[in-house]
């Protein structure tokens, strides 16, 4: 039936900023890790709400943050958020 995710997690700009803060990443760090240009990161982070623009851009940002250990918490009655994954050690 398709190739991949059961549901596409919608990530907000606020979650991206919070995730960067948890990782102590600058906008430049996020641009480097995601392959998204710095001007695009700056433009996106100047807004609020869901990540705008192309879905490929939002996916690249989300995937880079997840690969670094961020978990996105969906809106589930308590508000959307982020956290760092627990070490398995």
PDB file of N, CA and C in Angstrom:
ATOM      1  N   UNK A   1       0.808  -1.207   0.000  1.00  0.00           N
ATOM      2  CA  UNK A   1       0.000   0.000   0.000  1.00  0.00           C
ATOM      3  C   UNK A   1       0.828   1.237   0.000  1.00  0.00           C
ATOM      4  N   UNK A   2       1.782   1.544   0.308  1.00  0.00           N
ATOM      5  CA  UNK A   2       2.529   2.782   0.340  1.00  0.00           C
ATOM      6  C   UNK A   2       3.856   2.399   0.852  1.00  0.00           C
ATOM      7  N   UNK A   3       4.678   3.348   0.987  1.00  0.00           N
ATOM      8  CA  UNK A   3       5.984   2.984   1.455  1.00  0.00           C
ATOM      9  C   UNK A   3       6.347   3.725   2.713  1.00  0.00           C
ATOM     10  N   UNK A   4       5.858   3.337   3.845  1.00  0.00           N
ATOM     11  CA  UNK A   4       6.472   3.979   4.982  1.00  0.00           C
ATOM     12  C   UNK A   4       5.570   4.249   6.146  1.00  0.00           C
ATOM     13  N   UNK A   5       5.503   5.512   6.467  1.00  0.00           N
ATOM     14  CA  UNK A   5       4.896   5.927   7.728  1.00  0.00           C
ATOM     15  C   UNK A   5       3.410   5.659   7.770  1.00  0.00           C
ATOM     16  N   UNK A   6       2.942   5.301   8.946  1.00  0.00           N
ATOM     17  CA  UNK A   6       1.512   5.115   9.137  1.00  0.00           C
ATOM     18  C   UNK A   6       0.805   6.454   9.122  1.00  0.00           C
ATOM     19  N   UNK A   7       1.409   7.450   9.761  1.00  0.00           N
ATOM     20  CA  UNK A   7       0.828   8.782   9.729  1.00  0.00           C
ATOM     21  C   UNK A   7       1.958   9.793   9.737  1.00  0.00           C
ATOM     22  N   UNK A   8       1.742  10.865   9.028  1.00  0.00           N
ATOM     23  CA  UNK A   8       2.745  11.920   8.950  1.00  0.00           C
ATOM     24  C   UNK A   8       2.552  12.829  10.153  1.00  0.00           C
ATOM     25  N   UNK A   9       3.585  12.932  10.971  1.00  0.00           N
ATOM     26  CA  UNK A   9       3.521  13.777  12.148  1.00  0.00           C
ATOM     27  C   UNK A   9       3.697  15.229  11.730  1.00  0.00           C
ATOM     28  N   UNK A  10       2.726  16.042  12.063  1.00  0.00           N
ATOM     29  CA  UNK A  10       2.821  17.471  11.790  1.00  0.00           C
ATOM     30  C   UNK A  10       3.644  18.104  12.900  1.00  0.00           C
ATOM     31  N   UNK A  11       4.704  18.773  12.529  1.00  0.00           N
ATOM     32  CA  UNK A  11       5.600  19.404  13.483  1.00  0.00           C
ATOM     33  C   UNK A  11       5.475  20.912  13.334  1.00  0.00           C
ATOM     34  N   UNK A  12       5.444  21.604  14.474  1.00  0.00           N
ATOM     35  CA  UNK A  12       5.317  23.059  14.442  1.00  0.00           C
ATOM     36  C   UNK A  12       6.684  23.727  14.541  1.00  0.00           C
ATOM     37  N   UNK A  13       6.724  24.980  14.139  1.00  0.00           N
ATOM     38  CA  UNK A  13       7.938  25.788  14.273  1.00  0.00           C
ATOM     39  C   UNK A  13       8.354  25.860  15.741  1.00  0.00           C
ATOM     40  N   UNK A  14       7.384  25.981  16.631  1.00  0.00           N
ATOM     41  CA  UNK A  14       7.687  26.044  18.057  1.00  0.00           C
ATOM     42  C   UNK A  14       8.390  24.769  18.528  1.00  0.00           C
ATOM     43  N   UNK A  15       7.955  23.620  18.014  1.00  0.00           N
ATOM     44  CA  UNK A  15       8.599  22.354  18.357  1.00  0.00           C
ATOM     45  C   UNK A  15      10.031  22.303  17.808  1.00  0.00           C
ATOM     46  N   UNK A  16      10.229  22.820  16.607  1.00  0.00           N
ATOM     47  CA  UNK A  16      11.574  22.839  16.015  1.00  0.00           C
ATOM     48  C   UNK A  16      12.505  23.690  16.873  1.00  0.00           C
ATOM     49  N   UNK A  17      12.040  24.869  17.282  1.00  0.00           N
ATOM     50  CA  UNK A  17      12.867  25.748  18.122  1.00  0.00           C
ATOM     51  C   UNK A  17      13.174  25.091  19.465  1.00  0.00           C
ATOM     52  N   UNK A  18      12.181  24.438  20.054  1.00  0.00           N
ATOM     53  CA  UNK A  18      12.388  23.751  21.332  1.00  0.00           C
ATOM     54  C   UNK A  18      13.376  22.597  21.161  1.00  0.00           C
ATOM     55  N   UNK A  19      13.260  21.872  20.067  1.00  0.00           N
ATOM     56  CA  UNK A  19      14.165  20.757  19.800  1.00  0.00           C
ATOM     57  C   UNK A  19      15.596  21.262  19.624  1.00  0.00           C
ATOM     58  N   UNK A  20      15.757  22.363  18.908  1.00  0.00           N
ATOM     59  CA  UNK A  20      17.097  22.941  18.737  1.00  0.00           C
ATOM     60  C   UNK A  20      17.679  23.332  20.092  1.00  0.00           C
ATOM     61  N   UNK A  21      16.837  23.900  20.943  1.00  0.00           N
ATOM     62  CA  UNK A  21      17.300  24.316  22.274  1.00  0.00           C
ATOM     63  C   UNK A  21      17.751  23.098  23.097  1.00  0.00           C
ATOM     64  N   UNK A  22      16.980  22.011  23.049  1.00  0.00           N
ATOM     65  CA  UNK A  22      17.361  20.796  23.787  1.00  0.00           C
ATOM     66  C   UNK A  22      18.703  20.248  23.309  1.00  0.00           C
ATOM     67  N   UNK A  23      18.943  20.352  22.013  1.00  0.00           N
ATOM     68  CA  UNK A  23      20.180  19.839  21.431  1.00  0.00           C
ATOM     69  C   UNK A  23      21.329  20.842  21.495  1.00  0.00           C
ATOM     70  N   UNK A  24      20.997  22.087  21.880  1.00  0.00           N
ATOM     71  CA  UNK A  24      21.973  23.184  21.871  1.00  0.00           C
ATOM     72  C   UNK A  24      22.500  23.424  20.453  1.00  0.00           C
ATOM     73  N   UNK A  25      21.600  23.330  19.489  1.00  0.00           N
ATOM     74  CA  UNK A  25      21.928  23.564  18.084  1.00  0.00           C
ATOM     75  C   UNK A  25      21.574  24.990  17.698  1.00  0.00           C
ATOM     76  N   UNK A  26      22.412  25.584  16.880  1.00  0.00           N
ATOM     77  CA  UNK A  26      22.106  26.874  16.264  1.00  0.00           C
ATOM     78  C   UNK A  26      21.289  26.618  14.992  1.00  0.00           C
ATOM     79  N   UNK A  27      20.807  27.695  14.394  1.00  0.00           N
ATOM     80  CA  UNK A  27      20.125  27.540  13.103  1.00  0.00           C
ATOM     81  C   UNK A  27      21.102  26.969  12.079  1.00  0.00           C
ATOM     82  N   UNK A  28      22.371  27.369  12.170  1.00  0.00           N
ATOM     83  CA  UNK A  28      23.383  26.840  11.247  1.00  0.00           C
ATOM     84  C   UNK A  28      23.554  25.333  11.420  1.00  0.00           C
ATOM     85  N   UNK A  29      23.546  24.867  12.683  1.00  0.00           N
ATOM     86  CA  UNK A  29      23.658  23.423  12.941  1.00  0.00           C
ATOM     87  C   UNK A  29      22.501  22.677  12.288  1.00  0.00           C
ATOM     88  N   UNK A  30      21.282  23.194  12.462  1.00  0.00           N
ATOM     89  CA  UNK A  30      20.114  22.541  11.880  1.00  0.00           C
ATOM     90  C   UNK A  30      20.199  22.535  10.360  1.00  0.00           C
ATOM     91  N   UNK A  31      20.637  23.643   9.785  1.00  0.00           N
ATOM     92  CA  UNK A  31      20.780  23.708   8.330  1.00  0.00           C
ATOM     93  C   UNK A  31      21.777  22.661   7.840  1.00  0.00           C
ATOM     94  N   UNK A  32      22.903  22.568   8.520  1.00  0.00           N
ATOM     95  CA  UNK A  32      23.938  21.609   8.131  1.00  0.00           C
ATOM     96  C   UNK A  32      23.444  20.169   8.235  1.00  0.00           C
ATOM     97  N   UNK A  33      22.780  19.829   9.335  1.00  0.00           N
ATOM     98  CA  UNK A  33      22.335  18.452   9.570  1.00  0.00           C
ATOM     99  C   UNK A  33      21.158  18.052   8.687  1.00  0.00           C
ATOM    100  N   UNK A  34      20.311  19.027   8.328  1.00  0.00           N
ATOM    101  CA  UNK A  34      19.105  18.710   7.555  1.00  0.00           C
ATOM    102  C   UNK A  34      19.283  18.886   6.059  1.00  0.00           C
ATOM    103  N   UNK A  35      20.309  19.629   5.652  1.00  0.00           N
ATOM    104  CA  UNK A  35      20.476  19.924   4.230  1.00  0.00           C
ATOM    105  C   UNK A  35      19.552  21.030   3.741  1.00  0.00           C
ATOM    106  N   UNK A  36      18.913  21.738   4.677  1.00  0.00           N
ATOM    107  CA  UNK A  36      18.031  22.860   4.342  1.00  0.00           C
ATOM    108  C   UNK A  36      18.854  24.136   4.494  1.00  0.00           C
ATOM    109  N   UNK A  37      18.711  25.078   3.583  1.00  0.00           N
ATOM    110  CA  UNK A  37      19.537  26.284   3.619  1.00  0.00           C
ATOM    111  C   UNK A  37      19.266  27.135   4.862  1.00  0.00           C
ATOM    112  N   UNK A  38      20.280  27.861   5.292  1.00  0.00           N
ATOM    113  CA  UNK A  38      20.135  28.753   6.448  1.00  0.00           C
ATOM    114  C   UNK A  38      19.043  29.793   6.212  1.00  0.00           C
ATOM    115  N   UNK A  39      18.999  30.441   5.040  1.00  0.00           N
ATOM    116  CA  UNK A  39      17.905  31.411   4.836  1.00  0.00           C
ATOM    117  C   UNK A  39      16.515  30.782   4.969  1.00  0.00           C
ATOM    118  N   UNK A  40      16.374  29.529   4.537  1.00  0.00           N
ATOM    119  CA  UNK A  40      15.074  28.850   4.672  1.00  0.00           C
ATOM    120  C   UNK A  40      14.760  28.577   6.132  1.00  0.00           C
ATOM    121  N   UNK A  41      15.741  28.113   6.894  1.00  0.00           N
ATOM    122  CA  UNK A  41      15.535  27.876   8.331  1.00  0.00           C
ATOM    123  C   UNK A  41      15.113  29.185   9.004  1.00  0.00           C
ATOM    124  N   UNK A  42      15.830  30.271   8.726  1.00  0.00           N
ATOM    125  CA  UNK A  42      15.515  31.571   9.334  1.00  0.00           C
ATOM    126  C   UNK A  42      14.106  32.026   8.962  1.00  0.00           C
ATOM    127  N   UNK A  43      13.751  31.852   7.695  1.00  0.00           N
ATOM    128  CA  UNK A  43      12.418  32.267   7.237  1.00  0.00           C
ATOM    129  C   UNK A  43      11.329  31.445   7.925  1.00  0.00           C
ATOM    130  N   UNK A  44      11.528  30.143   7.998  1.00  0.00           N
ATOM    131  CA  UNK A  44      10.534  29.282   8.646  1.00  0.00           C
ATOM    132  C   UNK A  44      10.400  29.623  10.122  1.00  0.00           C
ATOM    133  N   UNK A  45      11.530  29.838  10.804  1.00  0.00           N
ATOM    134  CA  UNK A  45      11.495  30.098  12.243  1.00  0.00           C
ATOM    135  C   UNK A  45      10.983  31.501  12.578  1.00  0.00           C
ATOM    136  N   UNK A  46      10.848  32.357  11.585  1.00  0.00           N
ATOM    137  CA  UNK A  46      10.284  33.691  11.820  1.00  0.00           C
ATOM    138  C   UNK A  46       8.757  33.639  11.898  1.00  0.00           C
ATOM    139  N   UNK A  47       8.182  32.479  11.582  1.00  0.00           N
ATOM    140  CA  UNK A  47       6.727  32.330  11.627  1.00  0.00           C
ATOM    141  C   UNK A  47       6.345  31.464  12.819  1.00  0.00           C
ATOM    142  N   UNK A  48       5.068  31.160  12.921  1.00  0.00           N
ATOM    143  CA  UNK A  48       4.570  30.266  13.967  1.00  0.00           C
ATOM    144  C   UNK A  48       3.663  29.233  13.330  1.00  0.00           C
ATOM    145  N   UNK A  49       3.312  28.217  14.092  1.00  0.00           N
ATOM    146  CA  UNK A  49       2.401  27.195  13.589  1.00  0.00           C
ATOM    147  C   UNK A  49       3.146  26.090  12.874  1.00  0.00           C
ATOM    148  N   UNK A  50       2.415  25.308  12.079  1.00  0.00           N
ATOM    149  CA  UNK A  50       3.042  24.187  11.369  1.00  0.00           C
ATOM    150  C   UNK A  50       4.138  24.682  10.428  1.00  0.00           C
ATOM    151  N   UNK A  51       5.139  23.844  10.209  1.00  0.00           N
ATOM    152  CA  UNK A  51       6.201  24.207   9.271  1.00  0.00           C
ATOM    153  C   UNK A  51       5.569  24.412   7.902  1.00  0.00           C
ATOM    154  N   UNK A  52       5.813  25.563   7.336  1.00  0.00           N
ATOM    155  CA  UNK A  52       5.275  25.873   6.006  1.00  0.00           C
ATOM    156  C   UNK A  52       6.229  25.402   4.925  1.00  0.00           C
ATOM    157  N   UNK A  53       5.913  25.750   3.714  1.00  0.00           N
ATOM    158  CA  UNK A  53       6.786  25.404   2.596  1.00  0.00           C
ATOM    159  C   UNK A  53       6.566  23.984   2.118  1.00  0.00           C
ATOM    160  N   UNK A  54       7.579  23.475   1.448  1.00  0.00           N
ATOM    161  CA  UNK A  54       7.487  22.142   0.855  1.00  0.00           C
ATOM    162  C   UNK A  54       7.552  21.052   1.914  1.00  0.00           C
ATOM    163  N   UNK A  55       6.811  19.980   1.684  1.00  0.00           N
ATOM    164  CA  UNK A  55       6.801  18.878   2.655  1.00  0.00           C
ATOM    165  C   UNK A  55       8.181  18.234   2.771  1.00  0.00           C
ATOM    166  N   UNK A  56       8.965  18.251   1.684  1.00  0.00           N
ATOM    167  CA  UNK A  56      10.315  17.678   1.734  1.00  0.00           C
ATOM    168  C   UNK A  56      11.189  18.444   2.723  1.00  0.00           C
ATOM    169  N   UNK A  57      10.992  19.757   2.806  1.00  0.00           N
ATOM    170  CA  UNK A  57      11.760  20.590   3.729  1.00  0.00           C
ATOM    171  C   UNK A  57      11.396  20.248   5.167  1.00  0.00           C
ATOM    172  N   UNK A  58      10.101  20.174   5.460  1.00  0.00           N
ATOM    173  CA  UNK A  58       9.639  19.823   6.804  1.00  0.00           C
ATOM    174  C   UNK A  58      10.138  18.439   7.186  1.00  0.00           C
ATOM    175  N   UNK A  59      10.092  17.497   6.258  1.00  0.00           N
ATOM    176  CA  UNK A  59      10.558  16.129   6.526  1.00  0.00           C
ATOM    177  C   UNK A  59      12.048  16.115   6.846  1.00  0.00           C
ATOM    178  N   UNK A  60      12.848  16.877   6.085  1.00  0.00           N
ATOM    179  CA  UNK A  60      14.297  16.904   6.298  1.00  0.00           C
ATOM    180  C   UNK A  60      14.633  17.479   7.672  1.00  0.00           C
ATOM    181  N   UNK A  61      13.926  18.526   8.071  1.00  0.00           N
ATOM    182  CA  UNK A  61      14.148  19.136   9.389  1.00  0.00           C
ATOM    183  C   UNK A  61      13.765  18.162  10.492  1.00  0.00           C
ATOM    184  N   UNK A  62      12.577  17.570  10.376  1.00  0.00           N
ATOM    185  CA  UNK A  62      12.105  16.627  11.390  1.00  0.00           C
ATOM    186  C   UNK A  62      13.048  15.431  11.497  1.00  0.00           C
ATOM    187  N   UNK A  63      13.445  14.869  10.366  1.00  0.00           N
ATOM    188  CA  UNK A  63      14.312  13.690  10.362  1.00  0.00           C
ATOM    189  C   UNK A  63      15.678  13.990  10.965  1.00  0.00           C
ATOM    190  N   UNK A  64      16.234  15.177  10.704  1.00  0.00           N
ATOM    191  CA  UNK A  64      17.535  15.544  11.276  1.00  0.00           C
ATOM    192  C   UNK A  64      17.441  15.645  12.790  1.00  0.00           C
ATOM    193  N   UNK A  65      16.368  16.245  13.278  1.00  0.00           N
ATOM    194  CA  UNK A  65      16.192  16.386  14.725  1.00  0.00           C
ATOM    195  C   UNK A  65      15.945  15.033  15.387  1.00  0.00           C
ATOM    196  N   UNK A  66      15.151  14.185  14.745  1.00  0.00           N
ATOM    197  CA  UNK A  66      14.900  12.845  15.282  1.00  0.00           C
ATOM    198  C   UNK A  66      16.180  12.015  15.309  1.00  0.00           C
ATOM    199  N   UNK A  67      17.000  12.126  14.272  1.00  0.00           N
ATOM    200  CA  UNK A  67      18.259  11.379  14.210  1.00  0.00           C
ATOM    201  C   UNK A  67      19.204  11.802  15.331  1.00  0.00           C
ATOM    202  N   UNK A  68      19.062  13.041  15.796  1.00  0.00           N
ATOM    203  CA  UNK A  68      19.901  13.553  16.887  1.00  0.00           C
ATOM    204  C   UNK A  68      19.343  13.194  18.260  1.00  0.00           C
ATOM    205  N   UNK A  69      18.193  12.519  18.301  1.00  0.00           N
ATOM    206  CA  UNK A  69      17.660  12.053  19.569  1.00  0.00           C
ATOM    207  C   UNK A  69      16.416  12.763  20.069  1.00  0.00           C
ATOM    208  N   UNK A  70      15.803  13.598  19.233  1.00  0.00           N
ATOM    209  CA  UNK A  70      14.586  14.305  19.638  1.00  0.00           C
ATOM    210  C   UNK A  70      13.368  13.447  19.326  1.00  0.00           C
ATOM    211  N   UNK A  71      12.430  13.437  20.256  1.00  0.00           N
ATOM    212  CA  UNK A  71      11.122  12.815  20.042  1.00  0.00           C
ATOM    213  C   UNK A  71      10.093  13.919  19.982  1.00  0.00           C
ATOM    214  N   UNK A  72       9.292  13.927  18.947  1.00  0.00           N
ATOM    215  CA  UNK A  72       8.199  14.900  18.843  1.00  0.00           C
ATOM    216  C   UNK A  72       6.962  14.297  19.486  1.00  0.00           C
ATOM    217  N   UNK A  73       6.341  15.056  20.359  1.00  0.00           N
ATOM    218  CA  UNK A  73       5.151  14.605  21.072  1.00  0.00           C
ATOM    219  C   UNK A  73       3.948  15.256  20.397  1.00  0.00           C
ATOM    220  N   UNK A  74       3.042  14.465  19.849  1.00  0.00           N
ATOM    221  CA  UNK A  74       1.899  15.045  19.134  1.00  0.00           C
ATOM    222  C   UNK A  74       0.905  15.716  20.073  1.00  0.00           C
ATOM    223  N   UNK A  75       0.092  16.557  19.502  1.00  0.00           N
ATOM    224  CA  UNK A  75      -1.012  17.188  20.236  1.00  0.00           C
ATOM    225  C   UNK A  75      -1.941  16.064  20.664  1.00  0.00           C
ATOM    226  N   UNK A  76      -2.085  15.866  21.953  1.00  0.00           N
ATOM    227  CA  UNK A  76      -2.910  14.749  22.431  1.00  0.00           C
ATOM    228  C   UNK A  76      -3.713  15.155  23.659  1.00  0.00           C
ATOM    229  N   UNK A  77      -4.120  16.393  23.680  1.00  0.00           N
ATOM    230  CA  UNK A  77      -4.878  16.882  24.816  1.00  0.00           C
ATOM    231  C   UNK A  77      -4.017  17.649  25.796  1.00  0.00           C
ATOM    232  N   UNK A  78      -2.716  17.386  25.779  1.00  0.00           N
ATOM    233  CA  UNK A  78      -1.820  18.079  26.685  1.00  0.00           C
ATOM    234  C   UNK A  78      -0.940  19.086  25.975  1.00  0.00           C
ATOM    235  N   UNK A  79      -1.092  19.199  24.700  1.00  0.00           N
ATOM    236  CA  UNK A  79      -0.283  20.119  23.912  1.00  0.00           C
ATOM    237  C   UNK A  79       0.908  19.419  23.289  1.00  0.00           C
ATOM    238  N   UNK A  80       1.253  19.840  22.093  1.00  0.00           N
ATOM    239  CA  UNK A  80       2.394  19.268  21.383  1.00  0.00           C
ATOM    240  C   UNK A  80       3.677  19.669  22.080  1.00  0.00           C
ATOM    241  N   UNK A  81       4.716  18.855  21.930  1.00  0.00           N
ATOM    242  CA  UNK A  81       5.979  19.163  22.570  1.00  0.00           C
ATOM    243  C   UNK A  81       7.121  18.363  21.991  1.00  0.00           C
ATOM    244  N   UNK A  82       8.265  18.408  22.673  1.00  0.00           N
ATOM    245  CA  UNK A  82       9.449  17.643  22.294  1.00  0.00           C
ATOM    246  C   UNK A  82      10.127  17.149  23.567  1.00  0.00           C
ATOM    247  N   UNK A  83      10.901  16.102  23.400  1.00  0.00           N
ATOM    248  CA  UNK A  83      11.742  15.612  24.484  1.00  0.00           C
ATOM    249  C   UNK A  83      12.908  14.855  23.850  1.00  0.00           C
ATOM    250  N   UNK A  84      13.944  14.646  24.654  1.00  0.00           N
ATOM    251  CA  UNK A  84      15.055  13.829  24.200  1.00  0.00           C
ATOM    252  C   UNK A  84      14.746  12.380  24.507  1.00  0.00           C
ATOM    253  N   UNK A  85      15.089  11.487  23.584  1.00  0.00           N
ATOM    254  CA  UNK A  85      14.886  10.063  23.804  1.00  0.00           C
ATOM    255  C   UNK A  85      15.741   9.602  24.964  1.00  0.00           C
ATOM    256  N   UNK A  86      15.221   8.684  25.711  1.00  0.00           N
ATOM    257  CA  UNK A  86      15.938   8.120  26.850  1.00  0.00           C
ATOM    258  C   UNK A  86      17.064   7.238  26.346  1.00  0.00           C
ATOM    259  N   UNK A  87      18.239   7.366  26.960  1.00  0.00           N
ATOM    260  CA  UNK A  87      19.351   6.478  26.618  1.00  0.00           C
ATOM    261  C   UNK A  87      18.981   5.058  26.987  1.00  0.00           C
ATOM    262  N   UNK A  88      19.383   4.123  26.157  1.00  0.00           N
ATOM    263  CA  UNK A  88      19.064   2.730  26.419  1.00  0.00           C
ATOM    264  C   UNK A  88      20.076   2.083  27.354  1.00  0.00           C
ATOM    265  N   UNK A  89      21.099   2.833  27.746  1.00  0.00           N
ATOM    266  CA  UNK A  89      22.165   2.274  28.600  1.00  0.00           C
ATOM    267  C   UNK A  89      21.687   1.971  29.997  1.00  0.00           C
TER     268      UNK A  89
END
